Protein backbone atom coordinates (compact mmCIF):
# COMPACT_ATOMS: atom_id res chain seq x y z
CA MET A 1 -37.17 43.49 7.10
CA LYS A 2 -34.78 42.47 4.37
CA PRO A 3 -35.47 44.22 1.05
CA LYS A 4 -35.69 40.96 -0.88
CA TYR A 5 -38.60 39.81 1.32
CA ALA A 6 -40.45 43.14 1.30
CA PHE A 7 -41.97 42.40 -2.10
CA MET A 8 -43.10 38.96 -0.95
CA SER A 9 -44.76 40.48 2.15
CA LEU A 10 -46.60 42.99 -0.03
CA PHE A 11 -47.72 40.14 -2.27
CA VAL A 12 -49.02 38.22 0.75
CA ILE A 13 -50.98 41.27 1.96
CA LEU A 14 -52.46 41.78 -1.51
CA ALA A 15 -53.50 38.13 -1.66
CA LEU A 16 -55.15 38.44 1.76
CA VAL A 17 -57.18 41.40 0.53
CA VAL A 18 -58.22 39.45 -2.57
CA ALA A 19 -59.27 36.48 -0.44
CA VAL A 20 -61.36 38.66 1.88
CA VAL A 21 -63.08 40.32 -1.08
CA ALA A 22 -63.79 36.95 -2.70
CA SER A 23 -65.26 35.52 0.48
CA SER A 24 -67.37 38.62 1.05
CA GLN A 25 -69.01 38.25 -2.36
CA ALA A 26 -70.57 34.97 -1.29
CA GLN A 27 -72.00 36.33 1.97
CA ASP A 28 -75.39 37.89 2.55
CA TYR A 29 -75.70 41.66 2.75
CA GLY A 30 -75.57 43.14 6.21
CA ARG A 31 -73.42 40.40 7.70
CA SER A 32 -69.91 40.86 8.95
CA ARG A 33 -67.25 39.84 6.48
CA ASN A 34 -65.22 37.39 8.55
CA VAL A 35 -62.80 35.11 6.81
CA LEU A 36 -63.25 32.11 9.08
CA PRO A 37 -65.10 29.21 7.43
CA ASP A 38 -67.66 28.64 10.18
CA THR A 39 -68.83 32.22 10.71
CA LEU A 40 -71.95 31.82 8.56
CA PRO A 41 -74.14 28.75 9.02
CA SER A 42 -75.00 27.11 5.73
CA ASP A 43 -78.73 27.11 6.48
CA SER A 44 -78.78 30.93 6.60
CA VAL A 45 -77.68 31.32 2.97
CA ARG A 46 -80.57 32.42 0.80
CA PRO A 47 -80.61 30.17 -2.29
CA ALA A 48 -82.52 32.61 -4.48
CA ASP A 49 -81.04 36.02 -3.76
CA PRO A 50 -82.56 38.45 -6.29
CA LEU A 51 -79.13 39.87 -7.06
CA PHE A 52 -77.93 36.48 -8.19
CA ARG A 53 -80.91 35.21 -10.14
CA ALA A 54 -80.86 33.86 -13.65
CA PRO A 55 -83.31 35.44 -16.07
CA LYS A 56 -86.68 33.76 -16.41
CA ASP A 57 -88.15 32.94 -19.81
CA SER A 58 -90.47 35.91 -19.33
CA ASP A 59 -87.38 38.16 -19.07
CA LEU A 60 -86.26 36.95 -22.46
CA LYS A 61 -89.34 38.09 -24.38
CA PRO A 62 -88.24 40.26 -27.27
CA MET A 63 -90.79 43.01 -26.64
CA THR A 64 -92.01 44.41 -23.33
CA ASP A 65 -94.65 46.85 -22.21
CA ASP A 66 -91.92 49.49 -22.24
CA ILE A 67 -91.85 49.55 -26.04
CA HIS A 68 -92.05 53.33 -26.11
CA LYS A 69 -88.67 53.57 -24.44
CA PRO A 70 -85.74 53.29 -26.82
CA PHE A 71 -83.53 50.34 -26.02
CA ALA A 72 -86.02 49.04 -23.44
CA SER A 73 -85.62 45.50 -24.70
CA VAL A 74 -81.82 45.63 -24.62
CA LYS A 75 -80.42 43.66 -21.72
CA THR A 76 -76.97 44.23 -20.27
CA THR A 77 -74.73 41.85 -18.38
CA ASP A 78 -75.69 43.66 -15.16
CA ALA A 79 -79.26 42.45 -15.65
CA LEU A 80 -78.16 38.85 -16.16
CA PRO A 81 -76.02 37.72 -13.22
CA ARG A 82 -75.68 34.01 -12.67
CA LYS A 83 -77.83 32.32 -10.06
CA ILE A 84 -75.78 31.18 -7.08
CA GLY A 85 -77.25 28.42 -4.97
CA ALA A 86 -76.53 27.63 -1.34
CA GLU A 87 -74.05 24.88 -2.20
CA GLU A 88 -72.04 27.08 -4.52
CA ALA A 89 -72.08 29.98 -2.04
CA ALA A 90 -70.76 27.61 0.63
CA LEU A 91 -68.04 26.41 -1.76
CA ILE A 92 -67.01 29.99 -2.60
CA ARG A 93 -66.82 30.82 1.12
CA LYS A 94 -64.80 27.66 1.76
CA ILE A 95 -62.31 28.49 -1.01
CA GLY A 96 -61.99 32.09 0.23
CA ALA A 97 -61.45 30.97 3.82
CA GLU A 98 -58.90 28.38 2.70
CA GLU A 99 -57.02 31.00 0.71
CA ALA A 100 -57.05 33.45 3.63
CA LYS A 101 -55.73 30.72 5.94
CA LEU A 102 -52.92 29.95 3.48
CA VAL A 103 -52.03 33.65 3.27
CA LEU A 104 -51.64 33.88 7.04
CA GLN A 105 -49.61 30.67 7.18
CA THR A 106 -47.41 31.93 4.33
CA ASP A 107 -46.72 35.10 6.29
CA ASP A 108 -45.61 32.99 9.27
CA LEU A 109 -43.32 30.94 7.02
CA ILE A 110 -41.81 34.13 5.58
CA ARG A 111 -41.04 35.29 9.13
CA GLN A 112 -39.41 31.92 9.83
CA LEU A 113 -37.33 32.33 6.69
CA GLU A 114 -36.26 35.83 7.76
CA THR A 115 -35.26 34.69 11.25
CA ALA A 116 -33.44 31.54 10.15
CA GLU A 117 -29.86 31.63 11.36
CA ALA A 118 -28.44 28.24 10.48
CA GLU A 119 -28.19 26.88 6.96
CA ASP A 120 -30.36 23.85 7.79
CA GLN A 121 -33.09 26.13 9.21
CA LEU A 122 -32.95 28.23 6.05
CA THR A 123 -33.22 25.15 3.81
CA ASP A 124 -36.11 23.77 5.88
CA ALA A 125 -37.95 27.13 5.81
CA LYS A 126 -37.48 27.39 2.03
CA ALA A 127 -38.85 23.87 1.51
CA LYS A 128 -41.89 24.55 3.71
CA LEU A 129 -42.52 27.89 1.98
CA SER A 130 -42.22 26.31 -1.46
CA ASP A 131 -44.70 23.56 -0.55
CA HIS A 132 -47.06 26.10 0.97
CA LEU A 133 -46.90 28.39 -2.07
CA GLY A 134 -47.81 25.38 -4.23
CA LYS A 135 -50.93 24.79 -2.12
CA TRP A 136 -51.81 28.48 -2.32
CA PHE A 137 -51.41 28.42 -6.10
CA ASP A 138 -53.76 25.43 -6.37
CA VAL A 139 -56.43 27.18 -4.28
CA ARG A 140 -56.16 30.34 -6.41
CA GLN A 141 -56.50 28.23 -9.56
CA LYS A 142 -59.65 26.62 -8.15
CA ARG A 143 -61.13 30.07 -7.39
CA GLN A 144 -60.26 31.37 -10.85
CA GLU A 145 -61.87 28.32 -12.48
CA ARG A 146 -65.10 29.10 -10.59
CA GLU A 147 -64.96 32.69 -11.85
CA ILE A 148 -64.48 31.46 -15.43
CA GLU A 149 -67.47 29.12 -15.04
CA ALA A 150 -69.60 32.06 -13.88
CA LEU A 151 -68.54 34.13 -16.89
CA GLU A 152 -69.26 31.25 -19.26
CA ALA A 153 -72.76 30.92 -17.78
CA GLN A 154 -73.36 34.64 -18.38
CA VAL A 155 -72.15 34.34 -21.98
CA LYS A 156 -74.46 31.36 -22.51
CA THR A 157 -77.43 33.38 -21.23
CA LEU A 158 -76.55 36.35 -23.43
CA LYS A 159 -76.25 34.10 -26.49
CA LYS A 160 -79.66 32.62 -25.72
CA LEU A 161 -81.12 36.12 -25.49
CA ALA A 162 -79.50 37.18 -28.79
CA ARG A 163 -80.76 34.01 -30.49
CA LYS A 164 -84.33 34.63 -29.27
CA ARG A 165 -84.20 38.23 -30.47
CA GLN A 166 -82.96 37.10 -33.88
CA GLU A 167 -85.74 34.50 -34.13
CA ASN A 168 -88.32 37.21 -33.40
CA ARG A 169 -86.70 39.90 -35.56
CA GLU A 170 -89.76 40.54 -37.75
CA GLU A 171 -92.09 40.79 -34.76
CA ILE A 172 -89.74 43.24 -33.02
CA ILE A 173 -89.53 45.43 -36.12
CA SER A 174 -93.32 45.30 -36.58
CA HIS A 175 -93.96 46.35 -32.98
CA LYS A 176 -91.46 49.19 -33.20
CA LEU A 177 -92.99 50.41 -36.49
CA ASP A 178 -96.49 50.35 -34.96
CA GLN A 179 -95.24 52.27 -31.94
CA ILE A 180 -93.57 54.95 -34.11
CA ILE A 181 -96.73 55.34 -36.23
CA ARG A 182 -98.95 55.64 -33.13
CA ASP A 183 -96.63 58.25 -31.64
CA SER A 184 -96.55 60.25 -34.89
CA LEU A 185 -100.37 60.30 -34.98
CA GLY A 186 -100.56 61.44 -31.36
CA LEU A 187 -101.96 58.11 -30.20
CA GLY A 188 -99.04 57.23 -27.94
CA PHE A 189 -99.26 56.88 -24.21
């Protein structure tokens, strides 16, 4: 392999790994992680996977029964993943499969470029590769936009939680004070 194409081959392999990982995130646990678009029927996707659920209003209450635990009411981003429905899971799988397909096709075009002997073959291979890389870039942009949307949804949920806690500040402080007094008098749980 020519040294100038070695870096591009490594980049293609890295992109393939990224595509496989992205497509595996949308699949159910325990299933094989194939890259092909029709390996998982859309009716088998669970729309309300507990790992991808949005918090309920009851999750956003400022105080819980676990008041005696310090920081019990503090939520982290791990506790607030975005809910992914069946349609979005199918779209994520489709984008991942499309990206994996483009990676494999790009690898074939790189081999054509390496084996090109005549100048017209080289020019044709460069044009095809350039067009193909443009398609690949567009697919990656689409995937990254979906990731940004997911992060924005998490930020929105966290802001809502912070706003509710601020609205109930006095009640939270009152409950904590009562709990500390009960504990100091030996009346805690």
